[in-house]
């Protein structure tokens, strides 16, 4: 009874490894292409209205298909308009964990 389950688990692990290798190879190709085109920085995952906002959280919670990113406490899915009414500037010094 455990033999088929072990074989399926081993096959799933092989598929996961292959999928990760494919994803990593694609990311490497995109990085090389960006550098060849003159773009030095990878695009930010932060929504444009949330740039430099002190309320930005951006951590994903949940597992599988129910995984969701919590953008901020005011607007969990992010602000959809041009300017967020709750936006507050934060400096890079405030974001570092060394400075409480």
Protein backbone atom coordinates (compact mmCIF):
# COMPACT_ATOMS: atom_id res chain seq x y z
CA UNK A 1 0.00 0.00 0.00
CA UNK A 2 2.86 2.40 0.74
CA UNK A 3 4.77 1.51 -2.44
CA UNK A 4 2.33 3.20 -4.86
CA UNK A 5 2.05 6.24 -2.61
CA UNK A 6 5.85 6.49 -2.40
CA UNK A 7 6.15 6.21 -6.18
CA UNK A 8 3.58 8.97 -6.68
CA UNK A 9 5.34 11.19 -4.14
CA UNK A 10 8.68 10.59 -5.87
CA UNK A 11 7.15 11.45 -9.26
CA UNK A 12 5.59 14.62 -7.82
CA UNK A 13 8.96 15.64 -6.40
CA UNK A 14 10.58 15.12 -9.80
CA UNK A 15 7.91 17.27 -11.48
CA UNK A 16 8.33 19.99 -8.84
CA UNK A 17 12.09 20.03 -9.33
CA UNK A 18 11.73 20.17 -13.11
CA UNK A 19 9.15 22.95 -12.85
CA UNK A 20 11.41 24.97 -10.54
CA UNK A 21 14.40 24.44 -12.88
CA UNK A 22 12.27 25.63 -15.83
CA UNK A 23 11.10 28.68 -13.87
CA UNK A 24 14.66 29.51 -12.75
CA UNK A 25 15.98 29.16 -16.30
CA UNK A 26 13.23 31.50 -17.56
CA UNK A 27 14.05 34.07 -14.85
CA UNK A 28 17.73 33.90 -15.78
CA UNK A 29 16.92 34.46 -19.44
CA UNK A 30 14.71 37.43 -18.57
CA UNK A 31 17.46 38.90 -16.38
CA UNK A 32 20.01 38.56 -19.20
CA UNK A 33 17.61 40.10 -21.71
CA UNK A 34 16.84 43.04 -19.38
CA UNK A 35 20.56 43.70 -18.90
CA UNK A 36 21.20 43.52 -22.66
CA UNK A 37 18.42 46.03 -23.30
CA UNK A 38 19.89 48.43 -20.74
CA UNK A 39 17.53 47.81 -17.82
CA UNK A 40 19.65 47.34 -14.73
CA UNK A 41 16.97 46.80 -12.09
CA UNK A 42 14.26 44.16 -11.99
CA UNK A 43 10.77 45.62 -11.90
CA UNK A 44 9.33 46.13 -8.44
CA UNK A 45 6.55 43.84 -7.29
CA UNK A 46 5.05 46.76 -5.43
CA UNK A 47 2.03 48.50 -7.00
CA UNK A 48 2.90 51.96 -8.32
CA UNK A 49 0.51 53.69 -5.91
CA UNK A 50 2.27 51.95 -2.99
CA UNK A 51 5.83 53.06 -3.84
CA UNK A 52 7.55 54.46 -0.70
CA UNK A 53 4.39 54.08 1.42
CA UNK A 54 4.88 53.32 5.08
CA UNK A 55 1.72 51.16 5.21
CA UNK A 56 2.87 48.72 2.50
CA UNK A 57 3.00 45.13 3.77
CA UNK A 58 3.26 42.90 0.67
CA UNK A 59 3.48 39.48 2.34
CA UNK A 60 1.53 36.52 0.94
CA UNK A 61 -0.59 34.43 3.29
CA UNK A 62 -2.32 31.10 2.76
CA UNK A 63 -1.50 27.99 0.76
CA UNK A 64 -2.23 26.76 -2.74
CA UNK A 65 -4.98 28.42 -4.73
CA UNK A 66 -6.11 30.40 -1.67
CA UNK A 67 -2.75 32.19 -1.31
CA UNK A 68 -3.21 35.95 -1.34
CA UNK A 69 -0.95 38.96 -0.91
CA UNK A 70 -1.87 41.45 1.80
CA UNK A 71 -0.89 44.79 0.27
CA UNK A 72 -1.66 46.97 3.31
CA UNK A 73 -4.00 47.20 6.29
CA UNK A 74 -6.12 49.93 4.73
CA UNK A 75 -6.51 48.35 1.30
CA UNK A 76 -5.80 44.59 1.47
CA UNK A 77 -5.83 44.17 -2.33
CA UNK A 78 -4.15 47.48 -3.08
CA UNK A 79 -5.50 50.88 -4.07
CA UNK A 80 -6.95 50.88 -7.59
CA UNK A 81 -7.02 54.64 -8.18
CA UNK A 82 -4.31 57.15 -9.00
CA UNK A 83 -3.48 58.37 -5.47
CA UNK A 84 -4.15 56.44 -2.30
CA UNK A 85 -5.82 58.62 0.36
CA UNK A 86 -3.89 56.82 3.14
CA UNK A 87 -0.42 57.07 1.54
CA UNK A 88 2.39 58.25 3.85
CA UNK A 89 6.02 58.63 2.85
CA UNK A 90 8.60 56.36 4.42
CA UNK A 91 12.35 56.70 4.03
CA UNK A 92 14.68 53.77 3.49
CA UNK A 93 16.06 54.35 7.01
CA UNK A 94 12.65 53.67 8.53
CA UNK A 95 12.33 50.36 6.65
CA UNK A 96 15.59 48.84 7.85
CA UNK A 97 15.29 46.39 10.78
CA UNK A 98 18.38 47.89 12.50
CA UNK A 99 16.51 51.14 13.22
CA UNK A 100 13.57 50.46 15.56
